[in-house]
Amino acid sequence: MIHLSLYTTLGCHLCTQLEGLVATLANQKVWLHHIEISDDDALVERYGVRIPVLVDSDGNELDRGFELERLSDWLRERGWLDEAALEAFTAPPDTSAPKGAHERDGRRFLG
């Protein structure tokens, strides 16, 4: 299990995005210790404009982890990246017509 700390604050949408990305891209279960920065002036001073900040057990910090490339590189360096999940996450969407679909008068019908 991967143990990480997440410096966050209430209502941080980027923090929520980062949590989802970590859960999707990690090659094992992730336990996130949420650290609320608004309860501590020193934490607000240090992380106020940087959240979300992800920290591993060695104290290595990742700013802007919601950026896919930064997060995947950070996880890869630690041996925690699920390469297949990253490939699936970044693959272009399938734009082919559904099987059994047909088009008539500019409208697509299934079946």
PDB file of N, CA and C in Angstrom:
ATOM      1  N   MET A   1       0.848  -1.183   0.000  1.00  0.00           N
ATOM      2  CA  MET A   1       0.000   0.000   0.000  1.00  0.00           C
ATOM      3  C   MET A   1       0.890   1.242   0.000  1.00  0.00           C
ATOM      4  N   ILE A   2       0.494   2.210  -0.786  1.00  0.00           N
ATOM      5  CA  ILE A   2       1.217   3.478  -0.879  1.00  0.00           C
ATOM      6  C   ILE A   2       0.643   4.434   0.156  1.00  0.00           C
ATOM      7  N   HIS A   3       1.509   5.012   0.983  1.00  0.00           N
ATOM      8  CA  HIS A   3       1.085   5.992   1.986  1.00  0.00           C
ATOM      9  C   HIS A   3       1.552   7.373   1.548  1.00  0.00           C
ATOM     10  N   LEU A   4       0.596   8.272   1.354  1.00  0.00           N
ATOM     11  CA  LEU A   4       0.893   9.632   0.923  1.00  0.00           C
ATOM     12  C   LEU A   4       0.153  10.618   1.805  1.00  0.00           C
ATOM     13  N   SER A   5       0.694  11.829   1.887  1.00  0.00           N
ATOM     14  CA  SER A   5       0.008  12.934   2.551  1.00  0.00           C
ATOM     15  C   SER A   5      -0.412  13.924   1.484  1.00  0.00           C
ATOM     16  N   LEU A   6      -1.568  14.536   1.711  1.00  0.00           N
ATOM     17  CA  LEU A   6      -2.089  15.528   0.785  1.00  0.00           C
ATOM     18  C   LEU A   6      -2.401  16.789   1.567  1.00  0.00           C
ATOM     19  N   TYR A   7      -1.657  17.856   1.271  1.00  0.00           N
ATOM     20  CA  TYR A   7      -1.947  19.154   1.874  1.00  0.00           C
ATOM     21  C   TYR A   7      -3.088  19.761   1.085  1.00  0.00           C
ATOM     22  N   THR A   8      -4.169  20.084   1.778  1.00  0.00           N
ATOM     23  CA  THR A   8      -5.408  20.476   1.132  1.00  0.00           C
ATOM     24  C   THR A   8      -6.158  21.477   1.998  1.00  0.00           C
ATOM     25  N   THR A   9      -7.298  21.916   1.501  1.00  0.00           N
ATOM     26  CA  THR A   9      -8.218  22.731   2.283  1.00  0.00           C
ATOM     27  C   THR A   9      -9.624  22.468   1.780  1.00  0.00           C
ATOM     28  N   LEU A  10     -10.595  22.778   2.587  1.00  0.00           N
ATOM     29  CA  LEU A  10     -11.990  22.514   2.278  1.00  0.00           C
ATOM     30  C   LEU A  10     -12.384  23.179   0.956  1.00  0.00           C
ATOM     31  N   GLY A  11     -13.023  22.414   0.085  1.00  0.00           N
ATOM     32  CA  GLY A  11     -13.517  22.948  -1.180  1.00  0.00           C
ATOM     33  C   GLY A  11     -12.484  23.042  -2.288  1.00  0.00           C
ATOM     34  N   CYS A  12     -11.342  22.417  -2.118  1.00  0.00           N
ATOM     35  CA  CYS A  12     -10.278  22.471  -3.134  1.00  0.00           C
ATOM     36  C   CYS A  12     -10.604  21.489  -4.256  1.00  0.00           C
ATOM     37  N   HIS A  13     -11.091  22.009  -5.384  1.00  0.00           N
ATOM     38  CA  HIS A  13     -11.457  21.133  -6.496  1.00  0.00           C
ATOM     39  C   HIS A  13     -10.237  20.485  -7.144  1.00  0.00           C
ATOM     40  N   LEU A  14      -9.097  21.160  -7.117  1.00  0.00           N
ATOM     41  CA  LEU A  14      -7.883  20.566  -7.673  1.00  0.00           C
ATOM     42  C   LEU A  14      -7.413  19.395  -6.813  1.00  0.00           C
ATOM     43  N   CYS A  15      -7.642  19.492  -5.511  1.00  0.00           N
ATOM     44  CA  CYS A  15      -7.291  18.400  -4.598  1.00  0.00           C
ATOM     45  C   CYS A  15      -8.132  17.168  -4.914  1.00  0.00           C
ATOM     46  N   THR A  16      -9.414  17.375  -5.159  1.00  0.00           N
ATOM     47  CA  THR A  16     -10.309  16.277  -5.514  1.00  0.00           C
ATOM     48  C   THR A  16      -9.879  15.650  -6.830  1.00  0.00           C
ATOM     49  N   GLN A  17      -9.491  16.478  -7.785  1.00  0.00           N
ATOM     50  CA  GLN A  17      -9.008  15.984  -9.076  1.00  0.00           C
ATOM     51  C   GLN A  17      -7.748  15.152  -8.882  1.00  0.00           C
ATOM     52  N   LEU A  18      -6.831  15.633  -8.057  1.00  0.00           N
ATOM     53  CA  LEU A  18      -5.587  14.907  -7.801  1.00  0.00           C
ATOM     54  C   LEU A  18      -5.863  13.561  -7.137  1.00  0.00           C
ATOM     55  N   GLU A  19      -6.765  13.523  -6.188  1.00  0.00           N
ATOM     56  CA  GLU A  19      -7.110  12.265  -5.520  1.00  0.00           C
ATOM     57  C   GLU A  19      -7.592  11.227  -6.529  1.00  0.00           C
ATOM     58  N   GLY A  20      -8.443  11.639  -7.446  1.00  0.00           N
ATOM     59  CA  GLY A  20      -8.950  10.731  -8.466  1.00  0.00           C
ATOM     60  C   GLY A  20      -7.857  10.230  -9.389  1.00  0.00           C
ATOM     61  N   LEU A  21      -6.964  11.121  -9.781  1.00  0.00           N
ATOM     62  CA  LEU A  21      -5.856  10.729 -10.651  1.00  0.00           C
ATOM     63  C   LEU A  21      -4.925   9.741  -9.962  1.00  0.00           C
ATOM     64  N   VAL A  22      -4.604   9.999  -8.706  1.00  0.00           N
ATOM     65  CA  VAL A  22      -3.715   9.092  -7.966  1.00  0.00           C
ATOM     66  C   VAL A  22      -4.352   7.713  -7.863  1.00  0.00           C
ATOM     67  N   ALA A  23      -5.630   7.659  -7.519  1.00  0.00           N
ATOM     68  CA  ALA A  23      -6.320   6.375  -7.387  1.00  0.00           C
ATOM     69  C   ALA A  23      -6.361   5.627  -8.724  1.00  0.00           C
ATOM     70  N   THR A  24      -6.502   6.365  -9.820  1.00  0.00           N
ATOM     71  CA  THR A  24      -6.573   5.753 -11.142  1.00  0.00           C
ATOM     72  C   THR A  24      -5.221   5.259 -11.624  1.00  0.00           C
ATOM     73  N   LEU A  25      -4.162   6.011 -11.364  1.00  0.00           N
ATOM     74  CA  LEU A  25      -2.856   5.719 -11.944  1.00  0.00           C
ATOM     75  C   LEU A  25      -1.931   4.876 -11.079  1.00  0.00           C
ATOM     76  N   ALA A  26      -2.216   4.738  -9.811  1.00  0.00           N
ATOM     77  CA  ALA A  26      -1.330   3.975  -8.930  1.00  0.00           C
ATOM     78  C   ALA A  26      -1.484   2.476  -9.180  1.00  0.00           C
ATOM     79  N   ASN A  27      -0.376   1.754  -9.073  1.00  0.00           N
ATOM     80  CA  ASN A  27      -0.391   0.316  -9.325  1.00  0.00           C
ATOM     81  C   ASN A  27      -0.727  -0.503  -8.084  1.00  0.00           C
ATOM     82  N   GLN A  28      -1.117   0.170  -7.013  1.00  0.00           N
ATOM     83  CA  GLN A  28      -1.553  -0.491  -5.786  1.00  0.00           C
ATOM     84  C   GLN A  28      -2.462   0.455  -5.014  1.00  0.00           C
ATOM     85  N   LYS A  29      -3.046  -0.025  -3.946  1.00  0.00           N
ATOM     86  CA  LYS A  29      -3.946   0.821  -3.159  1.00  0.00           C
ATOM     87  C   LYS A  29      -3.179   2.008  -2.588  1.00  0.00           C
ATOM     88  N   VAL A  30      -3.885   3.127  -2.470  1.00  0.00           N
ATOM     89  CA  VAL A  30      -3.283   4.351  -1.951  1.00  0.00           C
ATOM     90  C   VAL A  30      -4.033   4.767  -0.699  1.00  0.00           C
ATOM     91  N   TRP A  31      -3.283   5.064   0.346  1.00  0.00           N
ATOM     92  CA  TRP A  31      -3.849   5.631   1.564  1.00  0.00           C
ATOM     93  C   TRP A  31      -3.405   7.084   1.608  1.00  0.00           C
ATOM     94  N   LEU A  32      -4.364   8.003   1.617  1.00  0.00           N
ATOM     95  CA  LEU A  32      -4.069   9.433   1.639  1.00  0.00           C
ATOM     96  C   LEU A  32      -4.365  10.009   3.019  1.00  0.00           C
ATOM     97  N   HIS A  33      -3.362  10.619   3.607  1.00  0.00           N
ATOM     98  CA  HIS A  33      -3.531  11.334   4.868  1.00  0.00           C
ATOM     99  C   HIS A  33      -3.775  12.794   4.498  1.00  0.00           C
ATOM    100  N   HIS A  34      -4.998  13.283   4.728  1.00  0.00           N
ATOM    101  CA  HIS A  34      -5.354  14.663   4.387  1.00  0.00           C
ATOM    102  C   HIS A  34      -4.904  15.595   5.504  1.00  0.00           C
ATOM    103  N   ILE A  35      -4.159  16.608   5.136  1.00  0.00           N
ATOM    104  CA  ILE A  35      -3.694  17.607   6.094  1.00  0.00           C
ATOM    105  C   ILE A  35      -4.351  18.929   5.730  1.00  0.00           C
ATOM    106  N   GLU A  36      -5.227  19.400   6.605  1.00  0.00           N
ATOM    107  CA  GLU A  36      -5.967  20.645   6.403  1.00  0.00           C
ATOM    108  C   GLU A  36      -5.042  21.813   6.754  1.00  0.00           C
ATOM    109  N   ILE A  37      -4.736  22.647   5.772  1.00  0.00           N
ATOM    110  CA  ILE A  37      -3.781  23.727   6.013  1.00  0.00           C
ATOM    111  C   ILE A  37      -4.403  24.925   6.712  1.00  0.00           C
ATOM    112  N   SER A  38      -5.722  25.090   6.605  1.00  0.00           N
ATOM    113  CA  SER A  38      -6.347  26.296   7.161  1.00  0.00           C
ATOM    114  C   SER A  38      -6.330  26.322   8.692  1.00  0.00           C
ATOM    115  N   ASP A  39      -6.026  25.195   9.309  1.00  0.00           N
ATOM    116  CA  ASP A  39      -5.986  25.114  10.769  1.00  0.00           C
ATOM    117  C   ASP A  39      -4.653  25.577  11.353  1.00  0.00           C
ATOM    118  N   ASP A  40      -3.674  25.872  10.497  1.00  0.00           N
ATOM    119  CA  ASP A  40      -2.321  26.177  10.968  1.00  0.00           C
ATOM    120  C   ASP A  40      -1.739  27.304  10.110  1.00  0.00           C
ATOM    121  N   ASP A  41      -1.407  28.430  10.751  1.00  0.00           N
ATOM    122  CA  ASP A  41      -0.875  29.587  10.007  1.00  0.00           C
ATOM    123  C   ASP A  41       0.418  29.260   9.268  1.00  0.00           C
ATOM    124  N   ALA A  42       1.266  28.431   9.863  1.00  0.00           N
ATOM    125  CA  ALA A  42       2.525  28.061   9.209  1.00  0.00           C
ATOM    126  C   ALA A  42       2.255  27.248   7.938  1.00  0.00           C
ATOM    127  N   LEU A  43       1.267  26.362   7.992  1.00  0.00           N
ATOM    128  CA  LEU A  43       0.927  25.580   6.803  1.00  0.00           C
ATOM    129  C   LEU A  43       0.298  26.450   5.727  1.00  0.00           C
ATOM    130  N   VAL A  44      -0.512  27.409   6.129  1.00  0.00           N
ATOM    131  CA  VAL A  44      -1.101  28.342   5.159  1.00  0.00           C
ATOM    132  C   VAL A  44       0.014  29.131   4.481  1.00  0.00           C
ATOM    133  N   GLU A  45       0.987  29.575   5.256  1.00  0.00           N
ATOM    134  CA  GLU A  45       2.116  30.330   4.704  1.00  0.00           C
ATOM    135  C   GLU A  45       2.905  29.481   3.711  1.00  0.00           C
ATOM    136  N   ARG A  46       3.131  28.211   4.060  1.00  0.00           N
ATOM    137  CA  ARG A  46       3.965  27.335   3.231  1.00  0.00           C
ATOM    138  C   ARG A  46       3.227  26.789   2.009  1.00  0.00           C
ATOM    139  N   TYR A  47       1.950  26.404   2.194  1.00  0.00           N
ATOM    140  CA  TYR A  47       1.226  25.697   1.131  1.00  0.00           C
ATOM    141  C   TYR A  47       0.039  26.457   0.549  1.00  0.00           C
ATOM    142  N   GLY A  48      -0.278  27.615   1.083  1.00  0.00           N
ATOM    143  CA  GLY A  48      -1.484  28.331   0.704  1.00  0.00           C
ATOM    144  C   GLY A  48      -1.701  28.516  -0.784  1.00  0.00           C
ATOM    145  N   VAL A  49      -0.661  28.838  -1.531  1.00  0.00           N
ATOM    146  CA  VAL A  49      -0.811  29.043  -2.975  1.00  0.00           C
ATOM    147  C   VAL A  49      -0.318  27.843  -3.778  1.00  0.00           C
ATOM    148  N   ARG A  50       0.087  26.776  -3.071  1.00  0.00           N
ATOM    149  CA  ARG A  50       0.654  25.613  -3.756  1.00  0.00           C
ATOM    150  C   ARG A  50      -0.268  24.396  -3.760  1.00  0.00           C
ATOM    151  N   ILE A  51      -1.335  24.404  -2.958  1.00  0.00           N
ATOM    152  CA  ILE A  51      -2.145  23.189  -2.855  1.00  0.00           C
ATOM    153  C   ILE A  51      -2.801  22.869  -4.184  1.00  0.00           C
ATOM    154  N   PRO A  52      -2.991  21.609  -4.464  1.00  0.00           N
ATOM    155  CA  PRO A  52      -2.689  20.459  -3.636  1.00  0.00           C
ATOM    156  C   PRO A  52      -1.213  20.084  -3.728  1.00  0.00           C
ATOM    157  N   VAL A  53      -0.665  19.677  -2.605  1.00  0.00           N
ATOM    158  CA  VAL A  53       0.711  19.193  -2.556  1.00  0.00           C
ATOM    159  C   VAL A  53       0.669  17.765  -2.038  1.00  0.00           C
ATOM    160  N   LEU A  54       1.234  16.865  -2.811  1.00  0.00           N
ATOM    161  CA  LEU A  54       1.306  15.458  -2.465  1.00  0.00           C
ATOM    162  C   LEU A  54       2.694  15.183  -1.909  1.00  0.00           C
ATOM    163  N   VAL A  55       2.777  14.417  -0.821  1.00  0.00           N
ATOM    164  CA  VAL A  55       4.065  14.146  -0.174  1.00  0.00           C
ATOM    165  C   VAL A  55       4.186  12.644   0.070  1.00  0.00           C
ATOM    166  N   ASP A  56       5.333  12.068  -0.322  1.00  0.00           N
ATOM    167  CA  ASP A  56       5.556  10.647  -0.067  1.00  0.00           C
ATOM    168  C   ASP A  56       6.150  10.451   1.326  1.00  0.00           C
ATOM    169  N   SER A  57       6.389   9.224   1.715  1.00  0.00           N
ATOM    170  CA  SER A  57       6.864   8.914   3.065  1.00  0.00           C
ATOM    171  C   SER A  57       8.284   9.409   3.327  1.00  0.00           C
ATOM    172  N   ASP A  58       9.033   9.736   2.273  1.00  0.00           N
ATOM    173  CA  ASP A  58      10.385  10.288   2.430  1.00  0.00           C
ATOM    174  C   ASP A  58      10.374  11.809   2.503  1.00  0.00           C
ATOM    175  N   GLY A  59       9.198  12.421   2.387  1.00  0.00           N
ATOM    176  CA  GLY A  59       9.085  13.874   2.457  1.00  0.00           C
ATOM    177  C   GLY A  59       9.226  14.577   1.121  1.00  0.00           C
ATOM    178  N   ASN A  60       9.288  13.827   0.027  1.00  0.00           N
ATOM    179  CA  ASN A  60       9.381  14.424  -1.307  1.00  0.00           C
ATOM    180  C   ASN A  60       8.017  14.968  -1.705  1.00  0.00           C
ATOM    181  N   GLU A  61       7.994  16.241  -2.082  1.00  0.00           N
ATOM    182  CA  GLU A  61       6.741  16.919  -2.410  1.00  0.00           C
ATOM    183  C   GLU A  61       6.520  17.005  -3.915  1.00  0.00           C
ATOM    184  N   LEU A  62       5.249  16.982  -4.281  1.00  0.00           N
ATOM    185  CA  LEU A  62       4.852  17.184  -5.667  1.00  0.00           C
ATOM    186  C   LEU A  62       3.819  18.297  -5.711  1.00  0.00           C
ATOM    187  N   ASP A  63       4.199  19.416  -6.293  1.00  0.00           N
ATOM    188  CA  ASP A  63       3.266  20.516  -6.552  1.00  0.00           C
ATOM    189  C   ASP A  63       2.590  20.266  -7.902  1.00  0.00           C
ATOM    190  N   ARG A  64       1.401  20.797  -8.062  1.00  0.00           N
ATOM    191  CA  ARG A  64       0.660  20.708  -9.329  1.00  0.00           C
ATOM    192  C   ARG A  64       0.533  19.263  -9.814  1.00  0.00           C
ATOM    193  N   GLY A  65       0.302  18.334  -8.889  1.00  0.00           N
ATOM    194  CA  GLY A  65       0.158  16.926  -9.240  1.00  0.00           C
ATOM    195  C   GLY A  65      -1.076  16.633 -10.060  1.00  0.00           C
ATOM    196  N   PHE A  66      -1.990  17.604 -10.143  1.00  0.00           N
ATOM    197  CA  PHE A  66      -3.184  17.423 -10.969  1.00  0.00           C
ATOM    198  C   PHE A  66      -2.834  17.497 -12.441  1.00  0.00           C
ATOM    199  N   GLU A  67      -1.593  17.919 -12.769  1.00  0.00           N
ATOM    200  CA  GLU A  67      -1.118  17.888 -14.154  1.00  0.00           C
ATOM    201  C   GLU A  67      -0.655  16.457 -14.428  1.00  0.00           C
ATOM    202  N   LEU A  68      -1.288  15.792 -15.370  1.00  0.00           N
ATOM    203  CA  LEU A  68      -1.097  14.372 -15.624  1.00  0.00           C
ATOM    204  C   LEU A  68       0.363  13.986 -15.828  1.00  0.00           C
ATOM    205  N   GLU A  69       1.086  14.760 -16.610  1.00  0.00           N
ATOM    206  CA  GLU A  69       2.480  14.418 -16.896  1.00  0.00           C
ATOM    207  C   GLU A  69       3.342  14.485 -15.639  1.00  0.00           C
ATOM    208  N   ARG A  70       3.131  15.527 -14.827  1.00  0.00           N
ATOM    209  CA  ARG A  70       3.910  15.666 -13.585  1.00  0.00           C
ATOM    210  C   ARG A  70       3.619  14.507 -12.628  1.00  0.00           C
ATOM    211  N   LEU A  71       2.334  14.186 -12.476  1.00  0.00           N
ATOM    212  CA  LEU A  71       1.958  13.112 -11.557  1.00  0.00           C
ATOM    213  C   LEU A  71       2.475  11.765 -12.042  1.00  0.00           C
ATOM    214  N   SER A  72       2.293  11.470 -13.313  1.00  0.00           N
ATOM    215  CA  SER A  72       2.737  10.171 -13.821  1.00  0.00           C
ATOM    216  C   SER A  72       4.260  10.028 -13.714  1.00  0.00           C
ATOM    217  N   ASP A  73       5.009  11.090 -13.975  1.00  0.00           N
ATOM    218  CA  ASP A  73       6.463  11.034 -13.806  1.00  0.00           C
ATOM    219  C   ASP A  73       6.842  10.793 -12.355  1.00  0.00           C
ATOM    220  N   TRP A  74       6.167  11.471 -11.428  1.00  0.00           N
ATOM    221  CA  TRP A  74       6.440  11.345  -9.990  1.00  0.00           C
ATOM    222  C   TRP A  74       6.145   9.927  -9.516  1.00  0.00           C
ATOM    223  N   LEU A  75       5.012   9.377  -9.951  1.00  0.00           N
ATOM    224  CA  LEU A  75       4.664   8.002  -9.576  1.00  0.00           C
ATOM    225  C   LEU A  75       5.632   7.007 -10.209  1.00  0.00           C
ATOM    226  N   ARG A  76       6.021   7.235 -11.467  1.00  0.00           N
ATOM    227  CA  ARG A  76       6.943   6.341 -12.165  1.00  0.00           C
ATOM    228  C   ARG A  76       8.298   6.294 -11.455  1.00  0.00           C
ATOM    229  N   GLU A  77       8.805   7.444 -11.017  1.00  0.00           N
ATOM    230  CA  GLU A  77      10.091   7.499 -10.312  1.00  0.00           C
ATOM    231  C   GLU A  77      10.095   6.617  -9.072  1.00  0.00           C
ATOM    232  N   ARG A  78       8.942   6.423  -8.458  1.00  0.00           N
ATOM    233  CA  ARG A  78       8.833   5.657  -7.224  1.00  0.00           C
ATOM    234  C   ARG A  78       8.401   4.215  -7.477  1.00  0.00           C
ATOM    235  N   GLY A  79       8.168   3.858  -8.746  1.00  0.00           N
ATOM    236  CA  GLY A  79       7.731   2.509  -9.082  1.00  0.00           C
ATOM    237  C   GLY A  79       6.261   2.267  -8.789  1.00  0.00           C
ATOM    238  N   TRP A  80       5.468   3.325  -8.718  1.00  0.00           N
ATOM    239  CA  TRP A  80       4.062   3.220  -8.342  1.00  0.00           C
ATOM    240  C   TRP A  80       3.108   3.444  -9.506  1.00  0.00           C
ATOM    241  N   LEU A  81       3.603   3.682 -10.698  1.00  0.00           N
ATOM    242  CA  LEU A  81       2.732   4.001 -11.825  1.00  0.00           C
ATOM    243  C   LEU A  81       2.236   2.741 -12.511  1.00  0.00           C
ATOM    244  N   ASP A  82       0.950   2.659 -12.743  1.00  0.00           N
ATOM    245  CA  ASP A  82       0.347   1.599 -13.534  1.00  0.00           C
ATOM    246  C   ASP A  82       0.354   2.095 -14.980  1.00  0.00           C
ATOM    247  N   GLU A  83       1.324   1.619 -15.741  1.00  0.00           N
ATOM    248  CA  GLU A  83       1.504   2.087 -17.123  1.00  0.00           C
ATOM    249  C   GLU A  83       0.276   1.798 -17.981  1.00  0.00           C
ATOM    250  N   ALA A  84      -0.366   0.653 -17.759  1.00  0.00           N
ATOM    251  CA  ALA A  84      -1.561   0.312 -18.538  1.00  0.00           C
ATOM    252  C   ALA A  84      -2.696   1.290 -18.230  1.00  0.00           C
ATOM    253  N   ALA A  85      -2.826   1.681 -16.978  1.00  0.00           N
ATOM    254  CA  ALA A  85      -3.867   2.646 -16.606  1.00  0.00           C
ATOM    255  C   ALA A  85      -3.583   3.998 -17.244  1.00  0.00           C
ATOM    256  N   LEU A  86      -2.318   4.405 -17.271  1.00  0.00           N
ATOM    257  CA  LEU A  86      -1.951   5.660 -17.918  1.00  0.00           C
ATOM    258  C   LEU A  86      -2.258   5.602 -19.404  1.00  0.00           C
ATOM    259  N   GLU A  87      -1.925   4.485 -20.033  1.00  0.00           N
ATOM    260  CA  GLU A  87      -2.194   4.309 -21.466  1.00  0.00           C
ATOM    261  C   GLU A  87      -3.691   4.403 -21.750  1.00  0.00           C
ATOM    262  N   ALA A  88      -4.487   3.731 -20.925  1.00  0.00           N
ATOM    263  CA  ALA A  88      -5.938   3.769 -21.109  1.00  0.00           C
ATOM    264  C   ALA A  88      -6.494   5.163 -20.854  1.00  0.00           C
ATOM    265  N   PHE A  89      -5.918   5.858 -19.887  1.00  0.00           N
ATOM    266  CA  PHE A  89      -6.382   7.194 -19.521  1.00  0.00           C
ATOM    267  C   PHE A  89      -6.085   8.214 -20.613  1.00  0.00           C
ATOM    268  N   THR A  90      -4.963   8.033 -21.315  1.00  0.00           N
ATOM    269  CA  THR A  90      -4.539   9.012 -22.319  1.00  0.00           C
ATOM    270  C   THR A  90      -4.883   8.603 -23.746  1.00  0.00           C
ATOM    271  N   ALA A  91      -5.436   7.411 -23.932  1.00  0.00           N
ATOM    272  CA  ALA A  91      -5.780   6.957 -25.281  1.00  0.00           C
ATOM    273  C   ALA A  91      -6.894   7.830 -25.849  1.00  0.00           C
ATOM    274  N   PRO A  92      -6.821   8.126 -27.148  1.00  0.00           N
ATOM    275  CA  PRO A  92      -7.891   8.925 -27.751  1.00  0.00           C
ATOM    276  C   PRO A  92      -9.208   8.162 -27.703  1.00  0.00           C
ATOM    277  N   PRO A  93     -10.315   8.875 -27.616  1.00  0.00           N
ATOM    278  CA  PRO A  93     -11.612   8.193 -27.548  1.00  0.00           C
ATOM    279  C   PRO A  93     -11.930   7.476 -28.851  1.00  0.00           C
ATOM    280  N   ASP A  94     -12.686   6.407 -28.741  1.00  0.00           N
ATOM    281  CA  ASP A  94     -13.123   5.655 -29.911  1.00  0.00           C
ATOM    282  C   ASP A  94     -14.266   6.429 -30.571  1.00  0.00           C
ATOM    283  N   THR A  95     -14.017   6.901 -31.778  1.00  0.00           N
ATOM    284  CA  THR A  95     -15.023   7.706 -32.472  1.00  0.00           C
ATOM    285  C   THR A  95     -15.734   6.929 -33.570  1.00  0.00           C
ATOM    286  N   SER A  96     -15.466   5.626 -33.645  1.00  0.00           N
ATOM    287  CA  SER A  96     -16.144   4.839 -34.674  1.00  0.00           C
ATOM    288  C   SER A  96     -17.613   4.671 -34.303  1.00  0.00           C
ATOM    289  N   ALA A  97     -18.416   4.500 -35.309  1.00  0.00           N
ATOM    290  CA  ALA A  97     -19.855   4.332 -35.093  1.00  0.00           C
ATOM    291  C   ALA A  97     -20.109   3.026 -34.350  1.00  0.00           C
ATOM    292  N   PRO A  98     -21.087   3.008 -33.477  1.00  0.00           N
ATOM    293  CA  PRO A  98     -21.422   1.769 -32.772  1.00  0.00           C
ATOM    294  C   PRO A  98     -21.821   0.680 -33.753  1.00  0.00           C
ATOM    295  N   LYS A  99     -21.534  -0.565 -33.408  1.00  0.00           N
ATOM    296  CA  LYS A  99     -21.906  -1.682 -34.277  1.00  0.00           C
ATOM    297  C   LYS A  99     -23.427  -1.750 -34.365  1.00  0.00           C
ATOM    298  N   GLY A 100     -23.910  -1.988 -35.548  1.00  0.00           N
ATOM    299  CA  GLY A 100     -25.343  -2.061 -35.755  1.00  0.00           C
ATOM    300  C   GLY A 100     -25.990  -0.705 -35.985  1.00  0.00           C
ATOM    301  N   ALA A 101     -25.192   0.339 -35.988  1.00  0.00           N
ATOM    302  CA  ALA A 101     -25.747   1.681 -36.191  1.00  0.00           C
ATOM    303  C   ALA A 101     -25.875   1.961 -37.686  1.00  0.00           C
ATOM    304  N   HIS A 102     -26.840   2.768 -38.009  1.00  0.00           N
ATOM    305  CA  HIS A 102     -26.977   3.224 -39.390  1.00  0.00           C
ATOM    306  C   HIS A 102     -27.443   4.677 -39.373  1.00  0.00           C
ATOM    307  N   GLU A 103     -27.217   5.334 -40.470  1.00  0.00           N
ATOM    308  CA  GLU A 103     -27.557   6.746 -40.561  1.00  0.00           C
ATOM    309  C   GLU A 103     -28.602   6.941 -41.651  1.00  0.00           C
ATOM    310  N   ARG A 104     -29.598   7.784 -41.333  1.00  0.00           N
ATOM    311  CA  ARG A 104     -30.641   8.089 -42.309  1.00  0.00           C
ATOM    312  C   ARG A 104     -31.034   9.542 -42.118  1.00  0.00           C
ATOM    313  N   ASP A 105     -30.992  10.304 -43.179  1.00  0.00           N
ATOM    314  CA  ASP A 105     -31.342  11.726 -43.155  1.00  0.00           C
ATOM    315  C   ASP A 105     -30.511  12.494 -42.119  1.00  0.00           C
ATOM    316  N   GLY A 106     -29.234  12.121 -41.983  1.00  0.00           N
ATOM    317  CA  GLY A 106     -28.342  12.827 -41.079  1.00  0.00           C
ATOM    318  C   GLY A 106     -28.489  12.453 -39.624  1.00  0.00           C
ATOM    319  N   ARG A 107     -29.341  11.485 -39.319  1.00  0.00           N
ATOM    320  CA  ARG A 107     -29.526  11.037 -37.935  1.00  0.00           C
ATOM    321  C   ARG A 107     -28.997   9.622 -37.785  1.00  0.00           C
ATOM    322  N   ARG A 108     -28.392   9.348 -36.650  1.00  0.00           N
ATOM    323  CA  ARG A 108     -27.816   8.033 -36.402  1.00  0.00           C
ATOM    324  C   ARG A 108     -28.795   7.205 -35.561  1.00  0.00           C
ATOM    325  N   PHE A 109     -29.001   5.961 -35.988  1.00  0.00           N
ATOM    326  CA  PHE A 109     -29.903   5.043 -35.295  1.00  0.00           C
ATOM    327  C   PHE A 109     -29.126   3.796 -34.906  1.00  0.00           C
ATOM    328  N   LEU A 110     -29.450   3.254 -33.759  1.00  0.00           N
ATOM    329  CA  LEU A 110     -28.845   2.000 -33.307  1.00  0.00           C
ATOM    330  C   LEU A 110     -29.803   0.851 -33.577  1.00  0.00           C
ATOM    331  N   GLY A 111     -29.213  -0.314 -33.819  1.00  0.00           N
ATOM    332  CA  GLY A 111     -30.042  -1.511 -33.946  1.00  0.00           C
ATOM    333  C   GLY A 111     -30.360  -1.910 -35.341  1.00  0.00           C
TER     334      GLY A 111
END
